[in-house]
C-alpha cells in the first residue's frame, strides 16, 4: 500500500476519535451545551412522570373554579285558597255555575289566557262541546292545568281531568274563587282588570293635593 494514503487514513481516524471524545464530554457534562449541536432532547430531564395529577391554572381543571354552578331550586307549590266543595263561599257564582256553567268557564278562560280569548268565545265553545259530545269537562280540565302552572297550585284533591269529570261545577267554582281571591274582577274580564290596574298605578303616582288653611 502507499505510505502516503496510510498516513492520511491514520490522521483522519485520529481526528474523528478526538471529535467523538469532545462530543461525549459535552454530552455528559452539560445537557444545555448538547442542545446547541443537536435538536434531540437532553438525556436527563428534571421533570419526572409520577402519574399524580398536578393542579393547573386552566379554568377547566382548576381546584377552585371561578364560577361554580348554582344548584337548581325547585319551585314551591302552594295550596288552593278555598276547597273544592266550598261553593257556598260565593253564592251568586255558585248559582250561575249550576245553571249556566258556560259563563263561569268563559270568565275563567279569559283570565287564564290573559285576554287572548274572550269570555263569549270560550263560553260558546264550551256550550258547543257540551251539546255535541255531552262532555265539556274534556275541554275545561286543560284550563285547570294551565291555571295551576301559572299560580303554582297543588294538584288536589286528585288529577285535573278526574276532578272535572266527577265534579265539573265544583271545579269551575273553585277556579273562579281562586282567580277572584287573587285580585281579579271576574265580571270585567282580562282587559278590564289591566286597565283598572294601570289606572290605579297612575293615581298612585300623583301626589295628593294639600288644601291650604284659611288665612286671616
N, C-alpha and C. Protein backbone atom coordinates (compact mmCIF):
# COMPACT_ATOMS: atom_id res chain seq x y z
N UNK A 1 0.84 -1.20 0.00
CA UNK A 1 0.00 0.00 0.00
C UNK A 1 0.87 1.24 0.00
N UNK A 2 0.28 2.38 -0.39
CA UNK A 2 1.01 3.64 -0.48
C UNK A 2 1.18 4.21 0.93
N UNK A 3 2.40 4.57 1.36
CA UNK A 3 2.60 5.10 2.72
C UNK A 3 1.89 6.41 2.92
N UNK A 4 1.72 7.18 1.84
CA UNK A 4 1.05 8.47 1.98
C UNK A 4 -0.43 8.30 2.32
N UNK A 5 -1.12 7.35 1.62
CA UNK A 5 -2.55 7.12 1.90
C UNK A 5 -2.76 6.54 3.28
N UNK A 6 -1.78 5.68 3.71
CA UNK A 6 -1.91 5.11 5.05
C UNK A 6 -1.79 6.19 6.10
N UNK A 7 -0.89 7.12 5.88
CA UNK A 7 -0.72 8.22 6.84
C UNK A 7 -1.94 9.11 6.90
N UNK A 8 -2.57 9.36 5.75
CA UNK A 8 -3.78 10.19 5.73
C UNK A 8 -4.93 9.49 6.44
N UNK A 9 -5.03 8.17 6.27
CA UNK A 9 -6.12 7.42 6.92
C UNK A 9 -5.96 7.46 8.43
N UNK A 10 -4.72 7.29 8.89
CA UNK A 10 -4.49 7.33 10.33
C UNK A 10 -4.77 8.72 10.90
N UNK A 11 -4.44 9.74 10.14
CA UNK A 11 -4.72 11.11 10.62
C UNK A 11 -6.22 11.37 10.70
N UNK A 12 -6.94 10.85 9.67
CA UNK A 12 -8.40 11.03 9.68
C UNK A 12 -9.06 10.31 10.83
N UNK A 13 -8.60 9.08 11.12
CA UNK A 13 -9.16 8.31 12.24
C UNK A 13 -8.85 9.00 13.55
N UNK A 14 -7.67 9.54 13.67
CA UNK A 14 -7.31 10.24 14.89
C UNK A 14 -8.17 11.48 15.10
N UNK A 15 -8.47 12.18 14.03
CA UNK A 15 -9.30 13.38 14.13
C UNK A 15 -10.75 13.03 14.52
N UNK A 16 -11.28 11.98 13.89
CA UNK A 16 -12.66 11.55 14.23
C UNK A 16 -12.73 11.09 15.67
N UNK A 17 -11.71 10.36 16.15
CA UNK A 17 -11.71 9.89 17.53
C UNK A 17 -11.68 11.05 18.52
N UNK A 18 -10.87 12.06 18.20
CA UNK A 18 -10.80 13.22 19.10
C UNK A 18 -12.11 14.00 19.14
N UNK A 19 -12.78 14.15 17.99
CA UNK A 19 -14.06 14.86 17.97
C UNK A 19 -15.14 14.08 18.71
N UNK A 20 -15.08 12.75 18.62
CA UNK A 20 -16.07 11.92 19.33
C UNK A 20 -15.92 12.07 20.84
N UNK A 21 -14.67 12.10 21.32
CA UNK A 21 -14.44 12.29 22.75
C UNK A 21 -14.92 13.66 23.22
N UNK A 22 -14.71 14.66 22.35
CA UNK A 22 -15.17 16.01 22.71
C UNK A 22 -16.69 16.07 22.85
N UNK A 23 -17.40 15.45 21.93
CA UNK A 23 -18.87 15.43 21.99
C UNK A 23 -19.37 14.66 23.20
N UNK A 24 -18.71 13.55 23.54
CA UNK A 24 -19.13 12.77 24.71
C UNK A 24 -18.96 13.57 25.99
N UNK A 25 -17.84 14.31 26.08
CA UNK A 25 -17.64 15.13 27.27
C UNK A 25 -18.72 16.20 27.38
N UNK A 26 -19.05 16.86 26.26
CA UNK A 26 -20.11 17.86 26.27
C UNK A 26 -21.47 17.23 26.55
N UNK A 27 -21.70 16.04 26.08
CA UNK A 27 -23.00 15.36 26.23
C UNK A 27 -23.28 15.04 27.69
N UNK A 28 -22.26 14.54 28.42
CA UNK A 28 -22.48 14.10 29.80
C UNK A 28 -22.24 15.21 30.82
N UNK A 29 -21.51 16.24 30.46
CA UNK A 29 -21.21 17.30 31.42
C UNK A 29 -22.30 18.35 31.48
N UNK A 30 -22.78 18.83 30.37
CA UNK A 30 -23.77 19.91 30.33
C UNK A 30 -24.80 19.62 29.23
N UNK A 31 -26.04 19.24 29.58
CA UNK A 31 -27.04 18.95 28.54
C UNK A 31 -27.36 20.16 27.70
N UNK A 32 -27.22 21.37 28.29
CA UNK A 32 -27.52 22.57 27.51
C UNK A 32 -26.55 22.77 26.37
N UNK A 33 -25.27 22.43 26.59
CA UNK A 33 -24.30 22.52 25.51
C UNK A 33 -24.59 21.52 24.42
N UNK A 34 -25.16 20.37 24.83
CA UNK A 34 -25.51 19.37 23.83
C UNK A 34 -26.63 19.86 22.94
N UNK A 35 -27.56 20.66 23.50
CA UNK A 35 -28.67 21.16 22.72
C UNK A 35 -28.23 22.12 21.64
N UNK A 36 -27.02 22.69 21.77
CA UNK A 36 -26.53 23.59 20.75
C UNK A 36 -26.16 22.85 19.47
N UNK A 37 -25.82 21.57 19.60
CA UNK A 37 -25.37 20.79 18.45
C UNK A 37 -26.38 19.77 18.00
N UNK A 38 -27.46 19.60 18.74
CA UNK A 38 -28.44 18.58 18.37
C UNK A 38 -29.83 19.09 18.70
N UNK A 39 -30.82 18.66 17.92
CA UNK A 39 -32.21 19.02 18.17
C UNK A 39 -32.91 18.04 19.07
N UNK A 40 -32.25 16.97 19.42
CA UNK A 40 -32.83 15.96 20.30
C UNK A 40 -32.88 16.48 21.72
N UNK A 41 -33.80 16.01 22.57
CA UNK A 41 -33.89 16.47 23.96
C UNK A 41 -32.71 15.99 24.77
N UNK A 42 -32.36 16.67 25.85
CA UNK A 42 -31.25 16.24 26.71
C UNK A 42 -31.55 14.91 27.35
N UNK A 43 -30.50 14.16 27.67
CA UNK A 43 -30.72 12.80 28.20
C UNK A 43 -31.34 12.79 29.57
N UNK A 44 -31.11 13.81 30.37
CA UNK A 44 -31.63 13.84 31.73
C UNK A 44 -32.60 15.01 31.85
N UNK A 45 -33.85 14.71 32.17
CA UNK A 45 -34.87 15.74 32.31
C UNK A 45 -35.22 15.89 33.78
N UNK A 46 -35.43 17.15 34.16
CA UNK A 46 -35.75 17.40 35.56
C UNK A 46 -37.16 16.94 35.93
N UNK A 47 -38.11 17.00 34.97
CA UNK A 47 -39.48 16.60 35.25
C UNK A 47 -39.60 15.09 35.18
N UNK A 48 -40.27 14.51 36.15
CA UNK A 48 -40.45 13.07 36.22
C UNK A 48 -41.94 12.78 36.21
N UNK A 49 -42.35 11.84 35.39
CA UNK A 49 -43.75 11.45 35.31
C UNK A 49 -44.07 10.51 36.45
N UNK A 50 -44.97 10.94 37.33
CA UNK A 50 -45.30 10.13 38.50
C UNK A 50 -46.71 9.56 38.44
N UNK A 51 -47.57 10.06 37.52
CA UNK A 51 -48.94 9.59 37.47
C UNK A 51 -49.87 10.29 38.42
N UNK A 52 -49.34 11.26 39.22
CA UNK A 52 -50.15 12.02 40.17
C UNK A 52 -50.63 13.29 39.49
N UNK A 53 -51.95 13.60 39.49
CA UNK A 53 -52.44 14.82 38.83
C UNK A 53 -51.87 16.07 39.50
N UNK A 54 -51.50 17.02 38.68
CA UNK A 54 -50.93 18.27 39.15
C UNK A 54 -51.94 19.38 38.94
N UNK A 55 -52.08 20.27 39.91
CA UNK A 55 -53.02 21.38 39.80
C UNK A 55 -52.63 22.27 38.65
N UNK A 56 -53.62 22.78 37.95
CA UNK A 56 -53.38 23.61 36.79
C UNK A 56 -54.14 24.91 36.93
N UNK A 57 -53.65 25.93 36.23
CA UNK A 57 -54.33 27.22 36.24
C UNK A 57 -55.45 27.27 35.22
N UNK A 58 -55.60 26.21 34.46
CA UNK A 58 -56.68 26.17 33.48
C UNK A 58 -58.02 26.18 34.18
N UNK A 59 -58.98 26.96 33.68
CA UNK A 59 -60.27 27.09 34.35
C UNK A 59 -61.06 25.79 34.33
N UNK A 60 -60.72 24.89 33.38
CA UNK A 60 -61.46 23.64 33.32
C UNK A 60 -60.92 22.62 34.30
N UNK A 61 -59.67 22.77 34.76
CA UNK A 61 -59.07 21.81 35.67
C UNK A 61 -58.63 22.47 36.97
N UNK A 62 -59.06 23.67 37.22
CA UNK A 62 -58.64 24.38 38.42
C UNK A 62 -59.31 23.80 39.65
N UNK A 63 -58.54 23.78 40.76
CA UNK A 63 -59.11 23.27 42.01
C UNK A 63 -60.18 24.18 42.56
N UNK A 64 -60.07 25.46 42.28
CA UNK A 64 -61.04 26.45 42.76
C UNK A 64 -61.66 27.16 41.56
N UNK A 65 -62.72 26.60 40.99
CA UNK A 65 -63.32 27.26 39.82
C UNK A 65 -63.86 28.63 40.18
N UNK A 66 -63.81 29.54 39.20
CA UNK A 66 -64.24 30.91 39.44
C UNK A 66 -65.75 31.03 39.59
N UNK A 67 -66.48 30.30 38.76
CA UNK A 67 -67.94 30.42 38.79
C UNK A 67 -68.57 29.06 39.00
N UNK A 68 -68.78 28.64 40.25
CA UNK A 68 -69.41 27.33 40.50
C UNK A 68 -70.85 27.32 40.04
N UNK A 69 -71.31 26.16 39.63
CA UNK A 69 -72.68 26.01 39.14
C UNK A 69 -73.64 26.05 40.32
N UNK A 70 -74.60 26.95 40.25
CA UNK A 70 -75.57 27.10 41.34
C UNK A 70 -76.57 25.94 41.31
N UNK A 71 -76.98 25.44 42.45
CA UNK A 71 -77.95 24.34 42.46
C UNK A 71 -79.31 24.80 41.96
N UNK A 72 -80.00 23.91 41.27
CA UNK A 72 -81.32 24.21 40.71
C UNK A 72 -82.35 24.20 41.84
N UNK A 73 -83.06 25.30 41.97
CA UNK A 73 -84.07 25.40 43.02
C UNK A 73 -85.44 25.03 42.46
N UNK A 74 -86.10 24.13 43.12
CA UNK A 74 -87.43 23.71 42.70
C UNK A 74 -88.47 24.72 43.19
N UNK A 75 -89.43 24.97 42.34
CA UNK A 75 -90.48 25.90 42.69
C UNK A 75 -91.42 25.26 43.71
N UNK A 76 -91.77 26.02 44.72
CA UNK A 76 -92.63 25.52 45.79
C UNK A 76 -94.09 25.69 45.41
N UNK A 77 -94.86 24.62 45.50
CA UNK A 77 -96.28 24.67 45.19
C UNK A 77 -97.05 25.16 46.41
N UNK A 78 -98.13 25.86 46.15
CA UNK A 78 -98.97 26.42 47.22
C UNK A 78 -100.35 25.80 47.12
N UNK A 79 -101.06 25.73 48.24
CA UNK A 79 -102.42 25.16 48.22
C UNK A 79 -103.43 26.15 47.65
N UNK A 80 -104.59 25.64 47.29
CA UNK A 80 -105.68 26.50 46.82
C UNK A 80 -106.20 27.34 47.98
N UNK A 81 -106.68 28.51 47.66
CA UNK A 81 -107.20 29.39 48.72
C UNK A 81 -108.50 28.88 49.31
N UNK A 82 -109.27 28.12 48.55
CA UNK A 82 -110.53 27.51 49.03
C UNK A 82 -110.57 26.06 48.58
N UNK A 83 -111.40 25.29 49.27
CA UNK A 83 -111.52 23.88 48.93
C UNK A 83 -112.44 23.64 47.75
N UNK A 84 -112.44 22.40 47.29
CA UNK A 84 -113.25 22.04 46.12
C UNK A 84 -114.74 22.14 46.42
N UNK A 85 -115.13 21.86 47.64
CA UNK A 85 -116.55 21.85 47.99
C UNK A 85 -117.00 23.12 48.71
N UNK A 86 -116.20 24.18 48.67
CA UNK A 86 -116.58 25.44 49.32
C UNK A 86 -117.36 26.33 48.36
N UNK A 87 -118.32 25.76 47.70
CA UNK A 87 -119.07 26.51 46.67
C UNK A 87 -119.89 27.64 47.27
N UNK A 88 -120.37 27.47 48.51
CA UNK A 88 -121.23 28.49 49.10
C UNK A 88 -120.44 29.68 49.64
N UNK A 89 -119.12 29.67 49.47
CA UNK A 89 -118.35 30.87 49.80
C UNK A 89 -118.68 32.02 48.84
N UNK A 90 -119.14 31.67 47.66
CA UNK A 90 -119.57 32.66 46.67
C UNK A 90 -120.89 32.18 46.10
N UNK A 91 -121.98 32.52 46.78
CA UNK A 91 -123.30 32.00 46.40
C UNK A 91 -123.74 32.47 45.01
N UNK A 92 -123.58 33.74 44.63
CA UNK A 92 -124.00 34.14 43.28
C UNK A 92 -123.30 33.34 42.18
N UNK A 93 -122.01 33.17 42.31
CA UNK A 93 -121.29 32.38 41.31
C UNK A 93 -121.68 30.92 41.35
N UNK A 94 -122.01 30.42 42.53
CA UNK A 94 -122.47 29.04 42.64
C UNK A 94 -123.75 28.82 41.85
N UNK A 95 -124.68 29.77 41.93
CA UNK A 95 -125.94 29.65 41.19
C UNK A 95 -125.72 29.77 39.68
N UNK A 96 -124.84 30.71 39.28
CA UNK A 96 -124.57 30.87 37.85
C UNK A 96 -123.92 29.61 37.28
N UNK A 97 -122.98 29.04 38.03
CA UNK A 97 -122.29 27.84 37.55
C UNK A 97 -123.23 26.65 37.50
N UNK A 98 -124.20 26.58 38.40
CA UNK A 98 -125.13 25.45 38.42
C UNK A 98 -126.02 25.45 37.19
N UNK A 99 -126.50 26.64 36.79
CA UNK A 99 -127.44 26.70 35.67
C UNK A 99 -126.76 27.05 34.34
N UNK A 100 -125.72 27.84 34.38
CA UNK A 100 -125.02 28.23 33.14
C UNK A 100 -123.51 28.13 33.35
N UNK A 101 -122.98 26.92 33.37
CA UNK A 101 -121.54 26.78 33.62
C UNK A 101 -120.68 27.40 32.52
N UNK A 102 -121.27 27.63 31.34
CA UNK A 102 -120.50 28.22 30.24
C UNK A 102 -120.06 29.64 30.58
N UNK A 103 -120.86 30.37 31.39
CA UNK A 103 -120.49 31.74 31.76
C UNK A 103 -119.27 31.72 32.68
N UNK A 104 -119.32 30.87 33.69
CA UNK A 104 -118.18 30.77 34.61
C UNK A 104 -116.92 30.32 33.88
N UNK A 105 -117.07 29.33 33.00
CA UNK A 105 -115.90 28.86 32.27
C UNK A 105 -115.33 29.95 31.35
N UNK A 106 -116.21 30.70 30.70
CA UNK A 106 -115.74 31.77 29.82
C UNK A 106 -114.94 32.82 30.58
N UNK A 107 -115.38 33.17 31.77
CA UNK A 107 -114.65 34.14 32.59
C UNK A 107 -113.29 33.59 33.00
N UNK A 108 -113.27 32.32 33.37
CA UNK A 108 -112.00 31.70 33.78
C UNK A 108 -111.03 31.65 32.60
N UNK A 109 -111.52 31.23 31.44
CA UNK A 109 -110.65 31.08 30.27
C UNK A 109 -110.05 32.41 29.84
N UNK A 110 -110.82 33.49 29.92
CA UNK A 110 -110.31 34.80 29.51
C UNK A 110 -109.17 35.27 30.42
N UNK A 111 -109.31 35.04 31.73
CA UNK A 111 -108.26 35.45 32.66
C UNK A 111 -107.03 34.57 32.51
N UNK A 112 -107.24 33.27 32.39
CA UNK A 112 -106.10 32.34 32.28
C UNK A 112 -105.35 32.56 30.97
N UNK A 113 -106.07 32.82 29.89
CA UNK A 113 -105.44 33.09 28.59
C UNK A 113 -104.90 34.51 28.47
N UNK A 114 -105.09 35.31 29.51
CA UNK A 114 -104.60 36.70 29.54
C UNK A 114 -105.14 37.53 28.38
N UNK A 115 -106.41 37.34 28.11
CA UNK A 115 -107.09 38.16 27.13
C UNK A 115 -106.96 37.71 25.70
N UNK A 116 -106.22 36.62 25.42
CA UNK A 116 -106.09 36.15 24.04
C UNK A 116 -107.40 35.56 23.51
N UNK A 117 -108.25 35.07 24.40
CA UNK A 117 -109.59 34.61 24.03
C UNK A 117 -110.60 35.34 24.90
N UNK A 118 -111.74 35.63 24.32
CA UNK A 118 -112.77 36.36 25.06
C UNK A 118 -113.66 35.40 25.83
N UNK A 119 -114.40 35.99 26.76
CA UNK A 119 -115.33 35.19 27.56
C UNK A 119 -116.42 34.58 26.69
N UNK A 120 -116.94 35.36 25.73
CA UNK A 120 -118.01 34.85 24.86
C UNK A 120 -117.55 33.70 23.98
N UNK A 121 -116.34 33.82 23.41
CA UNK A 121 -115.83 32.76 22.53
C UNK A 121 -115.62 31.46 23.30
N UNK A 122 -114.98 31.54 24.44
CA UNK A 122 -114.73 30.34 25.23
C UNK A 122 -116.03 29.73 25.75
N UNK A 123 -116.97 30.59 26.17
CA UNK A 123 -118.25 30.07 26.64
C UNK A 123 -119.04 29.40 25.53
N UNK A 124 -119.01 29.98 24.32
CA UNK A 124 -119.72 29.38 23.19
C UNK A 124 -119.11 28.03 22.81
N UNK A 125 -117.79 27.95 22.82
CA UNK A 125 -117.13 26.67 22.50
C UNK A 125 -117.43 25.62 23.56
N UNK A 126 -117.49 26.04 24.82
CA UNK A 126 -117.85 25.13 25.91
C UNK A 126 -119.26 24.59 25.69
N UNK A 127 -120.19 25.47 25.33
CA UNK A 127 -121.57 25.04 25.09
C UNK A 127 -121.66 24.11 23.89
N UNK A 128 -120.91 24.39 22.84
CA UNK A 128 -120.93 23.53 21.65
C UNK A 128 -120.42 22.13 21.96
N UNK A 129 -119.35 22.04 22.72
CA UNK A 129 -118.84 20.72 23.09
C UNK A 129 -119.84 19.98 23.96
N UNK A 130 -120.49 20.71 24.87
CA UNK A 130 -121.48 20.07 25.75
C UNK A 130 -122.66 19.55 24.94
N UNK A 131 -123.06 20.26 23.90
CA UNK A 131 -124.21 19.83 23.10
C UNK A 131 -123.85 18.70 22.14
N UNK A 132 -122.62 18.68 21.64
CA UNK A 132 -122.24 17.68 20.64
C UNK A 132 -121.87 16.36 21.30
N UNK A 133 -120.96 16.39 22.25
CA UNK A 133 -120.48 15.14 22.86
C UNK A 133 -120.97 14.98 24.29
N UNK A 134 -121.53 16.03 24.87
CA UNK A 134 -122.07 15.94 26.22
C UNK A 134 -121.01 15.81 27.30
N UNK A 135 -119.77 16.17 27.00
CA UNK A 135 -118.69 16.05 27.99
C UNK A 135 -117.76 17.25 27.88
N UNK A 136 -118.20 18.42 28.34
CA UNK A 136 -117.33 19.60 28.25
C UNK A 136 -116.14 19.56 29.19
N UNK A 137 -116.14 18.61 30.12
CA UNK A 137 -115.03 18.53 31.07
C UNK A 137 -113.71 18.20 30.38
N UNK A 138 -113.78 17.52 29.21
CA UNK A 138 -112.54 17.19 28.50
C UNK A 138 -111.87 18.46 27.94
N UNK A 139 -112.60 19.56 27.89
CA UNK A 139 -112.06 20.84 27.45
C UNK A 139 -111.68 21.73 28.62
N UNK A 140 -112.53 21.76 29.65
CA UNK A 140 -112.28 22.65 30.78
C UNK A 140 -111.14 22.17 31.67
N UNK A 141 -110.83 20.87 31.66
CA UNK A 141 -109.76 20.37 32.53
C UNK A 141 -108.39 20.91 32.11
N UNK A 142 -108.23 21.22 30.82
CA UNK A 142 -106.95 21.77 30.37
C UNK A 142 -106.70 23.16 30.96
N UNK A 143 -107.76 23.91 31.16
CA UNK A 143 -107.60 25.23 31.75
C UNK A 143 -107.27 25.14 33.24
N UNK A 144 -107.73 24.11 33.88
CA UNK A 144 -107.34 23.92 35.28
C UNK A 144 -105.84 23.64 35.38
N UNK A 145 -105.33 22.80 34.46
CA UNK A 145 -103.90 22.51 34.45
C UNK A 145 -103.09 23.76 34.14
N UNK A 146 -103.56 24.54 33.18
CA UNK A 146 -102.86 25.77 32.81
C UNK A 146 -102.87 26.78 33.96
N UNK A 147 -103.96 26.84 34.66
CA UNK A 147 -104.07 27.76 35.79
C UNK A 147 -103.15 27.33 36.93
N UNK A 148 -103.06 26.05 37.17
CA UNK A 148 -102.17 25.56 38.23
C UNK A 148 -100.71 25.87 37.91
N UNK A 149 -100.33 25.78 36.65
CA UNK A 149 -98.95 26.09 36.27
C UNK A 149 -98.65 27.57 36.44
N UNK A 150 -99.62 28.42 36.18
CA UNK A 150 -99.40 29.86 36.32
C UNK A 150 -99.23 30.27 37.78
N UNK A 151 -100.03 29.70 38.65
CA UNK A 151 -100.03 30.11 40.06
C UNK A 151 -99.35 29.09 40.98
N UNK A 152 -98.75 28.04 40.40
CA UNK A 152 -98.03 27.02 41.19
C UNK A 152 -98.93 26.42 42.27
N UNK A 153 -100.07 25.91 41.84
CA UNK A 153 -101.03 25.32 42.77
C UNK A 153 -100.87 23.80 42.81
N UNK A 154 -101.22 23.24 43.95
CA UNK A 154 -101.18 21.79 44.11
C UNK A 154 -102.23 21.12 43.20
N UNK A 155 -101.88 19.92 42.75
CA UNK A 155 -102.85 19.11 42.01
C UNK A 155 -103.69 18.33 43.02
N UNK A 156 -104.71 19.00 43.53
CA UNK A 156 -105.54 18.39 44.57
C UNK A 156 -107.01 18.66 44.27
N UNK A 157 -107.89 17.79 44.78
CA UNK A 157 -107.62 16.59 45.58
C UNK A 157 -107.14 15.40 44.76
N UNK A 158 -107.18 15.51 43.41
CA UNK A 158 -106.70 14.45 42.53
C UNK A 158 -106.33 15.10 41.20
N UNK A 159 -106.20 14.30 40.16
CA UNK A 159 -105.83 14.81 38.85
C UNK A 159 -106.85 15.78 38.28
N UNK A 160 -106.38 16.67 37.43
CA UNK A 160 -107.26 17.72 36.89
C UNK A 160 -108.42 17.14 36.09
N UNK A 161 -108.14 16.18 35.24
CA UNK A 161 -109.20 15.58 34.42
C UNK A 161 -110.22 14.85 35.28
N UNK A 162 -109.74 14.16 36.31
CA UNK A 162 -110.66 13.42 37.18
C UNK A 162 -111.53 14.38 37.99
N UNK A 163 -110.96 15.50 38.42
CA UNK A 163 -111.75 16.48 39.17
C UNK A 163 -112.88 17.04 38.31
N UNK A 164 -112.59 17.38 37.06
CA UNK A 164 -113.61 17.95 36.19
C UNK A 164 -114.61 16.90 35.72
N UNK A 165 -114.18 15.67 35.55
CA UNK A 165 -115.12 14.63 35.12
C UNK A 165 -116.12 14.28 36.23
N UNK A 166 -115.66 14.29 37.48
CA UNK A 166 -116.53 13.91 38.59
C UNK A 166 -117.28 15.10 39.18
N UNK A 167 -116.64 16.26 39.23
CA UNK A 167 -117.25 17.43 39.87
C UNK A 167 -117.02 18.66 39.00
N UNK A 168 -117.66 18.72 37.85
CA UNK A 168 -117.43 19.80 36.90
C UNK A 168 -117.80 21.16 37.49
N UNK A 169 -119.00 21.29 38.05
CA UNK A 169 -119.44 22.58 38.59
C UNK A 169 -118.59 23.00 39.80
N UNK A 170 -118.27 22.05 40.65
CA UNK A 170 -117.46 22.37 41.84
C UNK A 170 -116.06 22.84 41.43
N UNK A 171 -115.50 22.19 40.41
CA UNK A 171 -114.17 22.58 39.94
C UNK A 171 -114.20 23.99 39.34
N UNK A 172 -115.22 24.31 38.57
CA UNK A 172 -115.33 25.65 37.98
C UNK A 172 -115.50 26.71 39.07
N UNK A 173 -116.30 26.40 40.07
CA UNK A 173 -116.48 27.35 41.17
C UNK A 173 -115.19 27.58 41.92
N UNK A 174 -114.42 26.52 42.16
CA UNK A 174 -113.16 26.66 42.88
C UNK A 174 -112.17 27.52 42.08
N UNK A 175 -112.09 27.28 40.78
CA UNK A 175 -111.17 28.07 39.95
C UNK A 175 -111.61 29.53 39.87
N UNK A 176 -112.91 29.76 39.81
CA UNK A 176 -113.44 31.12 39.78
C UNK A 176 -113.09 31.85 41.08
N UNK A 177 -113.26 31.18 42.21
CA UNK A 177 -112.94 31.80 43.50
C UNK A 177 -111.45 32.06 43.63
N UNK A 178 -110.63 31.16 43.13
CA UNK A 178 -109.17 31.33 43.22
C UNK A 178 -108.72 32.58 42.47
N UNK A 179 -109.23 32.76 41.27
CA UNK A 179 -108.87 33.95 40.50
C UNK A 179 -109.41 35.22 41.14
N UNK A 180 -110.59 35.13 41.72
CA UNK A 180 -111.19 36.28 42.38
C UNK A 180 -110.40 36.64 43.64
N UNK A 181 -109.98 35.64 44.40
CA UNK A 181 -109.21 35.90 45.62
C UNK A 181 -107.82 36.45 45.32
N UNK A 182 -107.35 36.27 44.12
CA UNK A 182 -106.05 36.82 43.71
C UNK A 182 -106.15 38.23 43.14
N UNK A 183 -107.31 38.85 43.31
CA UNK A 183 -107.46 40.25 42.94
C UNK A 183 -108.07 40.51 41.60
N UNK A 184 -108.59 39.51 40.92
CA UNK A 184 -109.21 39.70 39.61
C UNK A 184 -110.71 39.96 39.77
N UNK A 185 -111.20 40.94 39.04
CA UNK A 185 -112.64 41.18 38.96
C UNK A 185 -113.16 40.37 37.78
N UNK A 186 -113.85 39.28 38.08
CA UNK A 186 -114.24 38.33 37.03
C UNK A 186 -115.31 38.88 36.11
N UNK A 187 -115.97 39.94 36.48
CA UNK A 187 -117.07 40.46 35.65
C UNK A 187 -116.58 41.40 34.54
N UNK A 188 -115.36 41.93 34.65
CA UNK A 188 -114.89 42.89 33.65
C UNK A 188 -113.85 42.29 32.70
N UNK A 189 -113.45 41.06 32.92
CA UNK A 189 -112.52 40.40 32.00
C UNK A 189 -111.08 40.82 32.21
N UNK A 190 -110.20 40.25 31.37
CA UNK A 190 -108.76 40.49 31.49
C UNK A 190 -108.40 41.94 31.19
N UNK A 191 -108.89 42.45 30.06
CA UNK A 191 -108.53 43.81 29.66
C UNK A 191 -109.07 44.84 30.66
N UNK A 192 -110.23 44.58 31.22
CA UNK A 192 -110.76 45.48 32.23
C UNK A 192 -109.90 45.50 33.48
N UNK A 193 -109.38 44.33 33.86
CA UNK A 193 -108.50 44.27 35.03
C UNK A 193 -107.17 44.98 34.78
N UNK A 194 -106.64 44.82 33.56
CA UNK A 194 -105.39 45.51 33.23
C UNK A 194 -105.58 47.02 33.24
N UNK A 195 -106.70 47.48 32.68
CA UNK A 195 -106.97 48.92 32.65
C UNK A 195 -107.16 49.46 34.07
N UNK A 196 -107.85 48.71 34.90
CA UNK A 196 -108.05 49.14 36.28
C UNK A 196 -106.74 49.21 37.04
N UNK A 197 -105.85 48.25 36.80
CA UNK A 197 -104.56 48.25 37.47
C UNK A 197 -103.70 49.43 37.00
N UNK A 198 -103.72 49.69 35.70
CA UNK A 198 -102.95 50.83 35.19
C UNK A 198 -103.49 52.16 35.73
N UNK A 199 -104.79 52.25 35.82
CA UNK A 199 -105.39 53.47 36.35
C UNK A 199 -105.03 53.65 37.82
N UNK A 200 -104.97 52.56 38.56
CA UNK A 200 -104.58 52.64 39.96
C UNK A 200 -103.13 53.06 40.13
N UNK A 201 -102.25 52.58 39.22
CA UNK A 201 -100.86 52.99 39.29
C UNK A 201 -100.69 54.46 38.97
N UNK A 202 -101.45 54.95 37.99
CA UNK A 202 -101.37 56.36 37.64
C UNK A 202 -101.85 57.24 38.77
N UNK A 203 -102.92 56.82 39.42
CA UNK A 203 -103.43 57.61 40.54
C UNK A 203 -102.46 57.57 41.72
N UNK A 204 -101.77 56.42 41.88
CA UNK A 204 -100.82 56.33 42.99
C UNK A 204 -99.57 57.15 42.75
N UNK A 205 -99.23 57.41 41.48
CA UNK A 205 -98.03 58.20 41.19
C UNK A 205 -98.25 59.69 41.34
N UNK A 206 -99.51 60.15 41.38
CA UNK A 206 -99.81 61.58 41.52
C UNK A 206 -99.82 61.93 43.00
N UNK A 207 -99.04 62.90 43.44
CA UNK A 207 -99.03 63.24 44.88
C UNK A 207 -100.36 63.86 45.29
N UNK A 208 -100.81 63.62 46.49
CA UNK A 208 -102.07 64.19 46.94
C UNK A 208 -101.98 65.71 47.07
N UNK A 209 -103.10 66.36 46.79
CA UNK A 209 -103.17 67.82 46.87
C UNK A 209 -103.54 68.21 48.29
N UNK A 210 -102.74 69.06 48.90
CA UNK A 210 -102.98 69.52 50.26
C UNK A 210 -103.64 70.89 50.21
N UNK A 211 -104.82 70.98 50.78
CA UNK A 211 -105.52 72.26 50.79
C UNK A 211 -104.87 73.21 51.78
N UNK A 212 -104.75 74.45 51.36
CA UNK A 212 -104.17 75.46 52.23
C UNK A 212 -105.19 75.87 53.31
N UNK A 213 -104.66 76.17 54.46
CA UNK A 213 -105.52 76.57 55.55
C UNK A 213 -106.07 77.99 55.33
N UNK A 214 -107.06 78.32 56.09
CA UNK A 214 -107.68 79.65 55.99
C UNK A 214 -106.71 80.70 56.55
N UNK A 215 -106.55 81.75 55.81
CA UNK A 215 -105.67 82.84 56.24
C UNK A 215 -106.49 84.00 56.76
N UNK A 216 -105.99 84.67 57.80
CA UNK A 216 -106.73 85.79 58.38
C UNK A 216 -106.42 87.08 57.62
